Amino acid sequence: MAPPLVSVVVPTYREAENIPSLAAGIDSALRGFCFSGGDGDGNGDGDDATVSSRYELIIADDDSGDGIADVCAELSRRFPLRLLSRKSERGLSQAVLAGAGIARGEVVVVMDADLSHPPEKIAELARPLLSGDADFAVGTRYAEGGGADKRWPLRRRMYSAVATAPAKFLIPLSDPMSGFFAFRRAQLPAAAELSPIGYKIGLELAVKMRPEKITEVPIFFRERERGESKLNWREKINYLRHLRRLFWHRWPRRMEVFQFCAVGGMGMTIDLAGYYFLRELGSPHLLARAAAFWPAASFNWFLNRVMTFKTRPRDSRLPQWLKFCATSGIGFVCNWGTYALLTSAVPFFAEHLLLAFFAGVLVGTVFNFVGSDRIVFRE
C-alpha cells in the first residue's frame, strides 16, 4: 500500500468520547478526496485500499486512562487510525511532535480532539502544501468567512484577543493562536531546535520554520460539546513563558537589552524602597543612598545572571558580583554626572529637571549594559 499523503495528528487527554465522531468526520471529509492529481472534485473513484491510503489519523494520547485504547482499537477496523499512547510524559505540544514523529504522510495536519475544528477544512489546509503553493497553512477564525461559536464564553474571547496581540509580532498570522494548522513533514525542525511549553505548538513551529508562503483558511470555531477544556492558569502562565522563549529566539540581542532594562527598573524600585526605609529610620541621606545601592545591585546581578545572560558561561559568584557592583557604581556616576551637566549647562534642562533625570538614567543604563555585556557576563 502506498504511504498516505496526509497524516492528521490529534493530541488527546481524556477525550475518548469525542474520538468516534472526530474519526467519522475526518473520514467523511477525506475519503475519496483527490489531494493531487485526478479531477480534484473531492469525489475520487478509487477502491477502499487506495482511498484509505491517502490519509491516516494518529491519536497521540497522554495516557488518559479513559478507555481510549479500546475506542481506538474498534475504530481502527473501519478507519486508517493509529493510537500513540505516551506513558512517560504529558503535554499537548509534546504529543503533537510525537505524533508527527511517527507520521508517514507528506503533509501533517494538526487539530484538536474536542470537535471545535471542522474536518471538512483539512483538505483546504493540505492542498497548497502538496502543490508547493504554501509552506505553512493555518485555519483561522479571523479571516473573511471565519468565525467562532456564539456560545464561546466572553472571557475566552478576551483571553484570545489579549494573547494573540503579542504573538502577531512573531509571525504574520491573523490567528497565531490557532491549533488547526498544517506543514510539510520534511520541514519539521529537529527536536533540538524546538522548546515548546504549554499548548501553542503551532506558533512554535511557524516561528521556527520561518515559512515564506503562508495560507490562511477561514474556519468556524465550534464550542466543545463534550468533555472539559484543559485551559487553566498553569497553561496561561506557560504560554507567557513560551512567548518569551520565542521572542528570545527571534530577536536575542534586542531581548537581552529589553530584559536588562526591565531588571534595572525593578532594581531601581528596590533601591528607592531601601533608601526611603533607611531615611525613615533616621539614617543620613548620603549613608542611606550608599547602603540602598548594594541590595539593589545584588538583585540586578542575580536576575541578569539567571535570566538575561543565562546562556553565557558563568564565572564564580563573588568575583562576578563585585564586577557587576563596580560597573553599576560607575554607571550611577555617569547617570548623576549627565544629570548635573545638563541641568547646569543647558537652560532647557534646568527648567525641565525630569527630562534631565531620564537622560541621566539612559546614559547610565547604556553604560551598565555595555559593562555587563563586555565585562561582567562576557562571552
Protein backbone atom coordinates (compact mmCIF):
# COMPACT_ATOMS: atom_id res chain seq x y z
CA MET A 1 0.00 0.00 0.00
CA ALA A 2 1.27 3.45 -0.90
CA PRO A 3 2.06 5.77 2.01
CA PRO A 4 -0.62 8.33 2.88
CA LEU A 5 -0.40 11.83 1.51
CA VAL A 6 -1.77 13.40 4.68
CA SER A 7 -1.30 12.50 8.34
CA VAL A 8 -3.84 14.03 10.71
CA VAL A 9 -2.36 14.28 14.21
CA VAL A 10 -4.76 14.76 17.13
CA PRO A 11 -3.31 15.22 20.64
CA THR A 12 -5.66 13.93 23.35
CA TYR A 13 -6.10 13.76 27.07
CA ARG A 14 -9.40 12.39 28.34
CA GLU A 15 -11.15 12.92 25.02
CA ALA A 16 -12.21 9.29 24.34
CA GLU A 17 -15.88 10.21 23.97
CA ASN A 18 -15.08 12.62 21.13
CA ILE A 19 -12.91 10.28 19.06
CA PRO A 20 -15.68 8.31 17.27
CA SER A 21 -17.35 11.48 15.98
CA LEU A 22 -14.00 13.00 15.07
CA ALA A 23 -12.78 9.92 13.20
CA ALA A 24 -16.04 9.66 11.29
CA GLY A 25 -15.94 13.35 10.40
CA ILE A 26 -12.37 13.17 9.16
CA ASP A 27 -13.05 10.05 7.12
CA SER A 28 -16.17 11.59 5.59
CA ALA A 29 -14.17 14.68 4.61
CA LEU A 30 -11.14 12.87 3.22
CA ARG A 31 -12.33 9.52 1.88
CA GLY A 32 -12.12 9.75 -1.89
CA PHE A 33 -10.77 13.29 -1.88
CA CYS A 34 -8.16 13.94 -4.57
CA PHE A 35 -5.43 15.91 -2.80
CA SER A 36 -3.42 15.96 -6.00
CA GLY A 37 -3.99 14.64 -9.47
CA GLY A 38 -7.34 13.31 -10.66
CA ASP A 39 -10.26 15.64 -11.21
CA GLY A 40 -9.79 17.30 -7.79
CA ASP A 41 -13.52 17.47 -7.20
CA GLY A 42 -13.39 15.51 -3.97
CA ASN A 43 -15.23 12.55 -5.49
CA GLY A 44 -12.48 10.10 -6.35
CA ASP A 45 -13.47 6.74 -7.64
CA GLY A 46 -10.59 4.59 -6.28
CA ASP A 47 -11.16 1.43 -4.31
CA ASP A 48 -11.11 1.44 -0.50
CA ALA A 49 -7.45 0.43 -0.19
CA THR A 50 -6.29 3.23 -2.49
CA VAL A 51 -8.63 5.79 -0.94
CA SER A 52 -7.73 4.93 2.64
CA SER A 53 -4.03 5.25 1.85
CA ARG A 54 -4.49 8.95 1.13
CA TYR A 55 -4.67 9.83 4.79
CA GLU A 56 -4.01 8.44 8.23
CA LEU A 57 -5.30 9.53 11.61
CA ILE A 58 -2.85 9.47 14.53
CA ILE A 59 -4.26 9.83 18.04
CA ALA A 60 -1.41 10.94 20.34
CA ASP A 61 -2.77 10.28 23.81
CA ASP A 62 -1.18 11.25 27.12
CA ASP A 63 -2.12 8.07 28.99
CA SER A 64 -5.66 9.30 29.63
CA GLY A 65 -6.90 6.13 31.25
CA ASP A 66 -10.41 6.82 29.94
CA GLY A 67 -10.78 3.77 27.71
CA ILE A 68 -9.37 5.47 24.63
CA ALA A 69 -7.30 2.38 23.75
CA ASP A 70 -10.44 0.26 23.35
CA VAL A 71 -12.18 3.04 21.41
CA CYS A 72 -9.27 3.36 19.00
CA ALA A 73 -8.93 -0.39 18.59
CA GLU A 74 -12.56 -0.60 17.50
CA LEU A 75 -12.28 2.44 15.20
CA SER A 76 -9.09 1.18 13.56
CA ARG A 77 -11.16 -1.63 12.00
CA ARG A 78 -13.05 0.95 9.95
CA PHE A 79 -10.63 3.85 9.62
CA PRO A 80 -6.87 4.23 8.99
CA LEU A 81 -6.32 5.12 12.64
CA ARG A 82 -3.27 4.58 14.85
CA LEU A 83 -3.02 5.21 18.59
CA LEU A 84 0.20 6.54 20.07
CA SER A 85 -0.05 6.07 23.84
CA ARG A 86 2.50 8.21 25.65
CA LYS A 87 3.31 6.87 29.10
CA SER A 88 6.39 8.80 30.18
CA GLU A 89 5.44 12.44 29.56
CA ARG A 90 2.47 14.70 29.05
CA GLY A 91 1.77 17.93 27.23
CA LEU A 92 -0.14 18.89 24.12
CA SER A 93 2.87 20.28 22.29
CA GLN A 94 4.97 17.22 23.01
CA ALA A 95 2.10 14.97 21.93
CA VAL A 96 1.87 16.76 18.58
CA LEU A 97 5.61 16.41 18.00
CA ALA A 98 5.50 12.73 18.98
CA GLY A 99 2.62 12.14 16.58
CA ALA A 100 4.39 14.00 13.78
CA GLY A 101 7.45 11.88 14.52
CA ILE A 102 5.67 8.66 13.55
CA ALA A 103 3.62 10.18 10.72
CA ARG A 104 4.09 8.77 7.22
CA GLY A 105 2.25 11.44 5.25
CA GLU A 106 3.89 14.11 3.16
CA VAL A 107 1.80 16.72 4.97
CA VAL A 108 0.95 16.76 8.67
CA VAL A 109 -2.32 18.38 9.76
CA VAL A 110 -2.81 19.09 13.46
CA MET A 111 -6.25 19.59 15.01
CA ASP A 112 -7.94 19.41 18.41
CA ALA A 113 -9.95 16.44 19.63
CA ASP A 114 -12.82 18.48 21.07
CA LEU A 115 -14.62 18.80 17.70
CA SER A 116 -14.01 22.56 17.61
CA HIS A 117 -12.12 22.33 14.30
CA PRO A 118 -14.05 21.44 11.12
CA PRO A 119 -12.68 18.26 9.45
CA GLU A 120 -14.04 19.43 6.10
CA LYS A 121 -11.32 22.10 6.05
CA ILE A 122 -8.43 19.62 6.29
CA ALA A 123 -8.16 19.27 2.52
CA GLU A 124 -8.00 23.06 2.09
CA LEU A 125 -5.09 23.16 4.50
CA ALA A 126 -3.26 20.26 2.88
CA ARG A 127 -3.71 21.01 -0.82
CA PRO A 128 -1.49 24.14 -1.10
CA LEU A 129 1.26 22.34 0.80
CA LEU A 130 1.11 19.32 -1.51
CA SER A 131 1.16 21.54 -4.60
CA GLY A 132 4.02 23.70 -3.33
CA ASP A 133 1.92 26.85 -3.19
CA ALA A 134 2.45 27.24 0.57
CA ASP A 135 4.95 26.33 3.27
CA PHE A 136 2.55 26.57 6.19
CA ALA A 137 -1.25 26.59 6.43
CA VAL A 138 -3.46 27.77 9.29
CA GLY A 139 -7.17 27.52 9.97
CA THR A 140 -8.22 30.96 11.18
CA ARG A 141 -11.31 32.37 12.84
CA TYR A 142 -10.41 35.91 11.84
CA ALA A 143 -10.24 35.69 8.03
CA GLU A 144 -13.26 36.64 5.95
CA GLY A 145 -15.69 33.74 6.13
CA GLY A 146 -14.41 32.55 9.50
CA GLY A 147 -15.89 32.96 12.95
CA ALA A 148 -16.49 31.45 16.37
CA ASP A 149 -19.44 29.84 18.09
CA LYS A 150 -21.63 32.41 19.86
CA ARG A 151 -21.55 30.12 22.89
CA TRP A 152 -17.83 30.74 23.24
CA PRO A 153 -17.54 32.46 26.65
CA LEU A 154 -16.69 36.16 26.70
CA ARG A 155 -13.69 35.53 28.96
CA ARG A 156 -12.27 33.11 26.39
CA ARG A 157 -12.76 35.68 23.63
CA MET A 158 -10.99 38.32 25.71
CA TYR A 159 -8.16 35.96 26.57
CA SER A 160 -7.75 35.04 22.92
CA ALA A 161 -7.61 38.68 21.83
CA VAL A 162 -5.06 39.63 24.50
CA ALA A 163 -2.90 36.55 23.90
CA THR A 164 -2.99 36.96 20.12
CA ALA A 165 -1.69 40.54 20.07
CA PRO A 166 1.96 39.90 21.07
CA ALA A 167 2.13 36.69 19.00
CA LYS A 168 1.46 38.69 15.83
CA PHE A 169 4.84 40.38 16.24
CA LEU A 170 6.45 36.96 15.82
CA ILE A 171 4.61 35.72 12.72
CA PRO A 172 2.23 37.49 10.29
CA LEU A 173 -0.85 35.38 11.00
CA SER A 174 -4.36 36.62 11.71
CA ASP A 175 -4.78 33.74 14.17
CA PRO A 176 -1.34 32.76 15.53
CA MET A 177 -3.07 31.01 18.45
CA SER A 178 -4.79 28.53 16.16
CA GLY A 179 -4.42 24.84 16.99
CA PHE A 180 -5.58 23.86 13.48
CA PHE A 181 -2.62 24.02 11.10
CA ALA A 182 -0.58 22.05 8.57
CA PHE A 183 3.03 21.75 7.45
CA ARG A 184 5.25 19.51 5.34
CA ARG A 185 6.69 16.70 7.41
CA ALA A 186 10.09 17.14 5.75
CA GLN A 187 10.28 20.69 7.12
CA LEU A 188 9.71 19.72 10.75
CA PRO A 189 12.64 21.19 12.70
CA ALA A 190 14.90 18.84 14.64
CA ALA A 191 13.85 18.22 18.23
CA ALA A 192 16.92 20.10 19.49
CA GLU A 193 15.66 23.26 17.77
CA LEU A 194 12.25 23.13 19.47
CA SER A 195 11.47 24.14 23.04
CA PRO A 196 7.67 24.22 23.33
CA ILE A 197 5.96 24.96 26.62
CA GLY A 198 2.23 24.52 27.02
CA TYR A 199 -0.16 24.07 24.17
CA LYS A 200 0.65 26.53 21.33
CA ILE A 201 2.88 24.27 19.28
CA GLY A 202 1.55 25.80 16.05
CA LEU A 203 3.05 29.17 16.98
CA GLU A 204 6.34 27.46 17.88
CA LEU A 205 6.55 25.68 14.52
CA ALA A 206 5.54 28.73 12.49
CA VAL A 207 8.23 30.86 14.16
CA LYS A 208 10.98 28.21 13.96
CA MET A 209 10.16 27.18 10.37
CA ARG A 210 10.10 30.80 9.13
CA PRO A 211 7.74 29.94 6.22
CA GLU A 212 7.92 32.21 3.18
CA LYS A 213 4.45 31.39 1.89
CA ILE A 214 1.57 31.06 4.35
CA THR A 215 -2.01 30.10 3.52
CA GLU A 216 -4.88 31.02 5.84
CA VAL A 217 -8.09 29.06 5.59
CA PRO A 218 -11.21 30.57 7.21
CA ILE A 219 -12.88 28.23 9.68
CA PHE A 220 -15.82 28.32 12.04
CA PHE A 221 -14.60 27.50 15.53
CA ARG A 222 -17.19 25.43 17.40
CA GLU A 223 -17.61 25.27 21.17
CA ARG A 224 -16.91 21.79 22.53
CA GLU A 225 -19.98 19.61 23.11
CA ARG A 226 -18.43 17.06 25.49
CA GLY A 227 -15.54 16.95 27.91
CA GLU A 228 -13.81 19.81 29.67
CA SER A 229 -11.39 22.46 28.47
CA LYS A 230 -7.78 21.90 29.54
CA LEU A 231 -7.04 25.65 29.56
CA ASN A 232 -6.17 26.64 33.13
CA TRP A 233 -3.95 29.20 34.82
CA ARG A 234 -0.94 26.94 34.56
CA GLU A 235 -1.33 26.78 30.79
CA LYS A 236 -1.74 30.55 30.59
CA ILE A 237 1.49 31.07 32.52
CA ASN A 238 3.20 28.52 30.29
CA TYR A 239 2.02 30.49 27.27
CA LEU A 240 3.72 33.63 28.60
CA ARG A 241 6.91 31.63 29.17
CA HIS A 242 6.60 30.27 25.65
CA LEU A 243 6.18 33.75 24.20
CA ARG A 244 9.31 34.90 25.99
CA ARG A 245 11.30 32.00 24.54
CA LEU A 246 10.06 32.72 21.03
CA PHE A 247 10.83 36.43 21.25
CA TRP A 248 14.27 35.50 22.53
CA HIS A 249 14.72 33.09 19.60
CA ARG A 250 13.66 35.71 17.05
CA TRP A 251 15.47 38.75 18.45
CA PRO A 252 18.07 37.57 21.01
CA ARG A 253 20.08 40.81 21.15
CA ARG A 254 17.04 43.04 21.47
CA MET A 255 15.63 40.80 24.16
CA GLU A 256 18.86 41.00 26.13
CA VAL A 257 18.65 44.79 26.10
CA PHE A 258 14.93 44.77 26.93
CA GLN A 259 15.30 42.34 29.81
CA PHE A 260 18.37 44.13 31.15
CA CYS A 261 16.32 47.35 31.26
CA ALA A 262 13.38 45.56 32.87
CA VAL A 263 15.65 44.12 35.57
CA GLY A 264 17.17 47.56 36.05
CA GLY A 265 13.71 49.05 36.53
CA MET A 266 12.91 46.50 39.24
CA GLY A 267 16.28 47.15 40.85
CA MET A 268 15.62 50.87 40.88
CA THR A 269 12.39 50.19 42.78
CA ILE A 270 14.33 48.22 45.39
CA ASP A 271 16.94 50.99 45.53
CA LEU A 272 14.32 53.66 46.19
CA ALA A 273 12.47 51.49 48.72
CA GLY A 274 15.69 50.83 50.63
CA TYR A 275 16.65 54.49 50.54
CA TYR A 276 13.34 55.70 51.95
CA PHE A 277 13.27 52.90 54.52
CA LEU A 278 16.68 53.90 55.85
CA ARG A 279 15.70 57.56 55.84
CA GLU A 280 12.64 56.72 57.94
CA LEU A 281 14.98 55.03 60.42
CA GLY A 282 16.90 58.30 60.70
CA SER A 283 19.92 57.49 58.54
CA PRO A 284 21.73 60.46 56.90
CA HIS A 285 20.73 60.72 53.26
CA LEU A 286 24.24 60.05 51.92
CA LEU A 287 24.59 56.93 54.05
CA ALA A 288 21.09 55.78 53.08
CA ARG A 289 21.87 56.36 49.41
CA ALA A 290 25.08 54.34 49.60
CA ALA A 291 23.58 51.50 51.66
CA ALA A 292 20.50 51.09 49.43
CA PHE A 293 22.69 50.62 46.38
CA TRP A 294 24.06 47.22 47.41
CA PRO A 295 20.85 45.17 47.75
CA ALA A 296 19.56 46.69 44.51
CA ALA A 297 22.80 45.89 42.68
CA SER A 298 22.80 42.37 44.11
CA PHE A 299 19.20 41.85 42.95
CA ASN A 300 20.07 43.06 39.44
CA TRP A 301 23.19 40.91 39.28
CA PHE A 302 21.30 37.76 40.27
CA LEU A 303 18.44 38.22 37.78
CA ASN A 304 20.80 39.12 34.96
CA ARG A 305 22.90 36.07 35.80
CA VAL A 306 19.98 33.61 35.75
CA MET A 307 17.81 35.29 33.10
CA THR A 308 19.29 37.98 30.84
CA PHE A 309 22.68 36.35 30.29
CA LYS A 310 21.81 32.81 31.37
CA THR A 311 23.22 31.24 28.17
CA ARG A 312 26.68 32.67 28.76
CA PRO A 313 29.47 30.98 30.72
CA ARG A 314 29.11 31.58 34.45
CA ASP A 315 32.07 32.92 36.41
CA SER A 316 32.42 32.38 40.14
CA ARG A 317 29.71 34.25 42.00
CA LEU A 318 31.74 36.58 44.24
CA PRO A 319 34.14 37.94 41.58
CA GLN A 320 31.28 38.39 39.14
CA TRP A 321 29.13 40.15 41.76
CA LEU A 322 31.97 42.53 42.59
CA LYS A 323 32.50 43.34 38.91
CA PHE A 324 28.78 43.97 38.50
CA CYS A 325 28.68 46.28 41.50
CA ALA A 326 31.72 48.15 40.17
CA THR A 327 30.23 48.70 36.72
CA SER A 328 26.87 49.63 38.28
CA GLY A 329 28.63 52.16 40.51
CA ILE A 330 30.40 53.71 37.56
CA GLY A 331 27.11 53.67 35.67
CA PHE A 332 25.49 55.56 38.54
CA VAL A 333 28.28 58.16 38.37
CA CYS A 334 27.61 58.54 34.64
CA ASN A 335 23.90 58.87 35.43
CA TRP A 336 24.44 61.51 38.08
CA GLY A 337 27.12 63.32 36.03
CA THR A 338 24.84 63.55 33.00
CA TYR A 339 22.08 64.98 35.17
CA ALA A 340 24.42 67.52 36.79
CA LEU A 341 25.96 68.57 33.48
CA LEU A 342 22.65 69.03 31.68
CA THR A 343 20.96 70.94 34.48
CA SER A 344 23.92 73.27 35.00
CA ALA A 345 24.96 73.89 31.39
CA VAL A 346 21.73 73.66 29.37
CA PRO A 347 18.96 76.14 30.28
CA PHE A 348 16.29 73.88 28.79
CA PHE A 349 17.12 71.03 31.14
CA ALA A 350 17.44 73.45 34.05
CA GLU A 351 13.76 74.16 33.53
CA HIS A 352 12.85 70.53 32.84
CA LEU A 353 14.61 68.57 35.56
CA LEU A 354 12.62 65.38 34.96
CA LEU A 355 13.88 65.19 31.38
CA ALA A 356 17.43 65.62 32.64
CA PHE A 357 16.78 62.85 35.16
CA PHE A 358 15.66 60.43 32.44
CA ALA A 359 18.58 61.43 30.21
CA GLY A 360 20.90 60.50 33.05
CA VAL A 361 19.13 57.17 33.55
CA LEU A 362 19.50 56.45 29.82
CA VAL A 363 23.23 57.18 29.79
CA GLY A 364 23.76 55.16 32.96
CA THR A 365 21.76 52.24 31.58
CA VAL A 366 23.72 52.19 28.33
CA PHE A 367 26.97 52.15 30.28
CA ASN A 368 25.72 49.44 32.62
CA PHE A 369 24.60 47.23 29.74
CA VAL A 370 27.89 47.59 27.87
CA GLY A 371 29.78 46.85 31.09
CA SER A 372 27.68 43.79 31.82
CA ASP A 373 27.85 42.58 28.23
CA ARG A 374 31.59 43.07 27.72
CA ILE A 375 32.99 42.63 31.22
CA VAL A 376 30.70 41.05 33.81
CA PHE A 377 28.94 38.43 31.67
CA ARG A 378 31.35 38.39 28.73
CA GLU A 379 31.13 35.57 26.20
